[in-house]
Protein backbone atom coordinates (compact mmCIF):
# COMPACT_ATOMS: atom_id res chain seq x y z
CA MET A 1 62.68 43.03 33.00
CA LYS A 2 66.08 42.85 34.68
CA ASN A 3 66.70 46.54 34.00
CA ARG A 4 63.31 47.38 35.54
CA LYS A 5 64.18 45.45 38.71
CA LYS A 6 67.54 47.25 38.89
CA HIS A 7 65.81 50.65 38.62
CA ILE A 8 63.30 49.68 41.32
CA ILE A 9 66.09 48.48 43.65
CA THR A 10 68.07 51.66 43.00
CA LEU A 11 65.01 53.82 43.67
CA ILE A 12 64.31 51.95 46.92
CA GLY A 13 67.94 52.42 47.96
CA ILE A 14 67.74 56.17 47.31
CA VAL A 15 64.49 56.46 49.28
CA VAL A 16 65.95 54.52 52.23
CA LEU A 17 69.06 56.68 52.18
CA LEU A 18 66.97 59.87 52.16
CA VAL A 19 64.88 58.58 55.06
CA LEU A 20 68.02 57.75 57.03
CA VAL A 21 69.48 61.20 56.35
CA VAL A 22 66.26 62.92 57.43
CA MET A 23 66.00 60.78 60.58
CA ALA A 24 69.66 61.39 61.42
CA ASN A 25 69.17 65.13 60.94
CA ILE A 26 66.08 65.10 63.20
CA TRP A 27 67.98 63.10 65.83
CA ARG A 28 70.93 65.43 65.60
CA HIS A 29 68.88 68.57 66.08
CA ARG A 30 67.06 67.06 69.05
CA SER A 31 70.34 66.00 70.68
CA LEU A 32 72.12 68.09 73.29
CA VAL A 33 75.32 69.89 72.42
CA HIS A 34 78.19 67.44 72.81
CA GLY A 35 80.97 70.01 73.16
CA VAL A 36 82.67 73.11 71.79
CA ARG A 37 85.34 72.88 69.10
CA VAL A 38 87.41 75.87 67.98
CA GLU A 39 89.52 76.20 64.83
CA ILE A 40 91.79 79.24 64.51
CA ASP A 41 93.57 80.46 61.39
CA TYR A 42 96.83 81.96 62.69
CA ILE A 43 97.83 83.40 59.29
CA ASP A 44 101.52 82.49 59.86
CA THR A 45 101.72 84.47 63.11
CA ASP A 46 102.77 83.49 66.61
CA THR A 47 100.09 82.03 68.86
CA LEU A 48 98.52 84.59 71.20
CA ILE A 49 95.45 82.55 72.11
CA THR A 50 94.74 78.81 71.86
CA PRO A 51 91.58 77.00 70.72
CA GLU A 52 91.18 75.65 74.25
CA GLN A 53 91.19 79.16 75.69
CA VAL A 54 88.56 80.32 73.20
CA ALA A 55 86.38 77.30 73.96
CA ALA A 56 86.64 78.17 77.67
CA ILE A 57 85.55 81.76 76.93
CA ILE A 58 82.48 80.46 75.09
CA ARG A 59 81.56 78.00 77.85
CA ASP A 60 82.00 80.64 80.56
CA SER A 61 79.85 83.13 78.65
CA LEU A 62 77.18 80.53 77.80
CA PRO A 63 77.14 78.10 80.75
CA GLN A 64 73.87 76.46 79.58
CA LEU A 65 75.27 75.64 76.15
CA THR A 66 75.87 71.92 76.75
CA GLU A 67 72.32 71.61 78.08
CA THR A 68 70.88 73.05 74.87
CA THR A 69 69.69 71.05 71.87
CA LEU A 70 71.60 71.68 68.67
CA ARG A 71 68.62 73.24 66.90
CA ASN A 72 68.21 75.77 69.74
CA VAL A 73 71.85 76.90 69.82
CA ASN A 74 72.14 80.66 69.40
CA LEU A 75 75.07 80.76 66.99
CA GLU A 76 75.18 84.56 67.06
CA ALA A 77 75.64 84.46 70.84
CA VAL A 78 78.50 81.98 70.40
CA GLU A 79 80.18 84.31 67.89
CA GLN A 80 79.71 87.31 70.18
CA ALA A 81 81.21 85.42 73.11
CA ALA A 82 84.29 84.49 71.10
CA SER A 83 84.59 88.05 69.78
CA THR A 84 85.16 89.34 73.30
CA SER A 85 88.73 88.08 72.87
CA PRO A 86 90.78 90.97 71.46
CA TYR A 87 92.96 88.49 69.56
CA LEU A 88 90.22 87.15 67.28
CA SER A 89 88.40 88.41 64.22
CA GLN A 90 85.91 86.94 61.71
CA CYS A 91 84.29 84.59 64.22
CA GLN A 92 81.77 82.24 62.61
CA ALA A 93 79.86 79.51 64.45
CA SER A 94 78.05 76.40 63.22
CA THR A 95 77.06 72.94 64.44
CA SER A 96 78.65 69.68 63.33
CA ILE A 97 77.19 66.26 62.50
CA GLY A 98 78.95 64.94 65.59
CA GLY A 99 76.96 67.28 67.83
CA ASP A 100 79.61 69.94 68.50
CA VAL A 101 79.29 73.69 68.33
CA VAL A 102 82.16 74.68 66.04
CA LEU A 103 83.73 78.13 65.94
CA TYR A 104 85.98 79.24 63.10
CA ALA A 105 88.04 82.38 63.66
CA ARG A 106 91.17 84.22 62.56
CA GLN A 107 93.81 85.50 64.94
CA ARG A 108 94.68 89.13 64.37
CA ARG A 109 98.14 89.79 62.90
CA PRO A 110 100.33 91.96 65.14
CA VAL A 111 102.77 94.15 63.21
CA VAL A 112 104.36 96.18 66.03
CA ARG A 113 104.84 95.97 69.78
CA ILE A 114 104.40 99.34 71.52
CA CYS A 115 106.61 99.73 74.62
CA SER A 116 105.90 102.84 76.65
CA SER A 117 106.56 103.71 80.29
CA LYS A 118 102.86 103.12 81.03
CA GLU A 119 101.99 99.95 79.11
CA GLU A 120 102.97 97.47 76.45
CA TYR A 121 100.66 96.22 73.71
CA TYR A 122 100.50 95.27 70.05
CA LEU A 123 98.91 96.90 67.03
CA ASP A 124 97.68 94.59 64.31
CA ASP A 125 97.73 95.13 60.55
CA HIS A 126 94.51 97.16 60.80
CA GLY A 127 95.67 99.30 63.71
CA TYR A 128 93.63 97.34 66.25
CA LYS A 129 95.07 97.34 69.79
CA LEU A 130 95.96 93.94 71.28
CA PRO A 131 97.03 93.50 74.90
CA GLU A 132 100.03 91.41 75.88
CA SER A 133 99.28 87.70 75.84
CA ARG A 134 99.99 85.24 78.63
CA THR A 135 100.08 82.49 76.04
CA GLY A 136 102.78 83.64 73.66
CA TYR A 137 104.91 86.45 72.33
CA ALA A 138 104.60 87.92 68.84
CA ASN A 139 107.96 88.29 67.14
CA VAL A 140 107.39 91.73 65.60
CA ILE A 141 109.23 95.01 65.46
CA VAL A 142 109.32 96.96 68.74
CA ALA A 143 108.52 100.69 69.01
CA SER A 144 109.64 102.98 71.82
CA GLY A 145 110.56 106.59 72.54
CA ASN A 146 108.23 109.60 72.47
CA LEU A 147 104.89 107.83 71.99
CA ASN A 148 102.51 110.47 73.29
CA LYS A 149 101.18 111.59 69.91
CA GLY A 150 103.01 109.46 67.37
CA ILE A 151 101.25 106.10 67.53
CA LYS A 152 99.52 106.52 64.17
CA GLU A 153 102.77 107.24 62.35
CA ILE A 154 104.52 104.38 64.13
CA TRP A 155 101.74 102.04 63.03
CA THR A 156 101.95 103.37 59.45
CA LEU A 157 105.68 102.66 59.32
CA ALA A 158 105.33 99.23 60.95
CA ALA A 159 102.48 98.23 58.63
CA TYR A 160 104.53 99.37 55.63
CA LEU A 161 107.47 97.24 56.72
CA ASP A 162 105.19 94.27 57.39
CA SER A 163 103.79 94.47 53.87
CA HIS A 164 107.28 94.39 52.32
CA SER A 165 108.85 91.01 53.05
CA ASP A 166 112.18 92.08 51.55
CA ILE A 167 112.55 95.05 53.93
CA ALA A 168 110.88 93.98 57.20
CA PRO A 169 113.52 91.39 58.27
CA LEU A 170 116.25 94.05 58.18
CA PHE A 171 115.00 95.98 61.23
CA ASP A 172 114.08 95.15 64.81
CA GLN A 173 113.18 98.50 66.39
CA ILE A 174 111.36 101.78 65.69
CA TYR A 175 112.21 104.81 67.79
CA ARG A 176 110.46 108.20 67.83
CA ASP A 177 112.47 111.13 69.17
CA SER A 178 111.24 114.25 70.96
CA HIS A 179 110.97 116.11 67.61
CA GLY A 180 108.70 113.46 66.15
CA ASP A 181 111.27 111.93 63.80
CA LEU A 182 111.11 108.18 63.31
CA TYR A 183 114.26 106.04 63.40
CA LEU A 184 114.88 102.40 62.58
CA THR A 185 117.51 100.17 64.14
CA PRO A 186 118.87 97.67 61.61
CA LYS A 187 119.88 94.14 62.55
CA LEU A 188 123.05 94.50 60.47
CA GLY A 189 125.59 97.24 61.11
CA SER A 190 125.75 99.74 63.96
CA HIS A 191 124.07 102.73 62.29
CA VAL A 192 120.52 104.04 62.71
CA VAL A 193 118.18 104.95 59.87
CA GLN A 194 116.41 108.29 60.19
CA VAL A 195 113.09 107.92 58.36
CA GLY A 196 111.66 111.28 59.46
CA ASP A 197 107.91 111.13 58.87
CA THR A 198 105.92 108.53 56.94
CA SER A 199 105.63 110.47 53.69
CA ASN A 200 107.13 109.03 50.48
CA LEU A 201 107.99 105.68 52.06
CA ASP A 202 108.32 103.94 48.71
CA GLN A 203 110.95 106.43 47.56
CA LYS A 204 112.76 106.44 50.90
CA PHE A 205 113.14 102.68 51.07
CA TYR A 206 114.01 102.40 47.40
CA ASN A 207 116.92 104.75 48.10
CA LEU A 208 117.87 102.87 51.25
CA MET A 209 117.90 99.49 49.51
CA ALA A 210 120.09 100.95 46.78
CA LEU A 211 122.53 102.06 49.48
CA TYR A 212 122.37 98.66 51.19
CA THR A 213 122.99 96.69 48.00
CA ARG A 214 125.55 98.93 46.27
CA GLY A 215 126.97 101.49 48.69
CA LEU A 216 127.52 99.99 52.14
CA PRO A 217 129.06 96.69 50.99
CA GLN A 218 131.91 98.75 49.50
CA ALA A 219 132.13 101.50 52.12
CA GLY A 220 131.73 99.09 55.04
CA TRP A 221 128.75 98.54 57.33
CA GLU A 222 130.51 100.22 60.25
CA THR A 223 131.46 103.39 58.33
CA TYR A 224 128.37 105.46 59.17
CA SER A 225 126.61 106.19 62.44
CA GLN A 226 123.43 107.43 60.76
CA VAL A 227 121.70 107.09 57.41
CA SER A 228 119.03 109.73 56.87
CA LEU A 229 116.11 109.31 54.48
CA LYS A 230 114.37 112.39 55.82
CA TYR A 231 115.22 114.73 52.96
CA ASN A 232 113.43 114.49 49.63
CA LYS A 233 115.04 112.04 47.18
CA GLN A 234 118.30 112.04 49.15
CA VAL A 235 120.23 109.70 51.38
CA VAL A 236 122.47 111.61 53.77
CA CYS A 237 125.07 109.52 55.59
CA THR A 238 126.84 110.69 58.73
CA LYS A 239 130.32 109.23 59.03
CA ARG A 240 131.26 107.63 62.30
CA GLU A 241 133.90 109.51 64.29
CA GLY A 242 137.37 108.24 63.54
CA LYS A 243 136.33 106.78 60.17
CA THR A 244 138.12 108.00 57.06
CA GLN A 245 137.87 106.96 53.44
């Protein structure tokens, strides 16, 4: 008898809970939008746009949003509004129990800053163009020089460096000369590294790292003015004037 009463009480409790959940859900969907909340995954990159700025973009694009009931919110329109920011990708909107429209997004990952005489901008890890940000500065490698036709190769080299955490921190600049050859400026030493084109990058940087770990520590980091990786399976070093062995 006692067990039967317990089962009945439990069943009544479950029914009441379900009714409350249903009523709360009905109330929520009939309620007006309380606000806009934005969550951004920065993927360990510098901040180029803030959640507050994205929320402002959404509100400006959809001025009637806070006068709309939750069940009538056009989530696709919210995502499209947020996607007008060049810094965001993978925008996904939903509504919360608290009555907010919530947008989840990822900030694009810049891998190189392009500095030409006409403009400055970033390229992300997919080659997508990002304008300069008024909010922050991305600490990435800088590219300059003859940029008229060499942007794709510059991006290829920058993306390669970005994907190799043991190599990327060694360099702070890419330069493309009038012949189309790519150069890297290392943070250590006073030489430049002539990469040439972007073919055989694995082999080129394998050779370079061998030089950096075994050759230059003995010869001295100031011995050479240029280290060339341009030629197949070779590292050609140009000795600095006045240096002798």
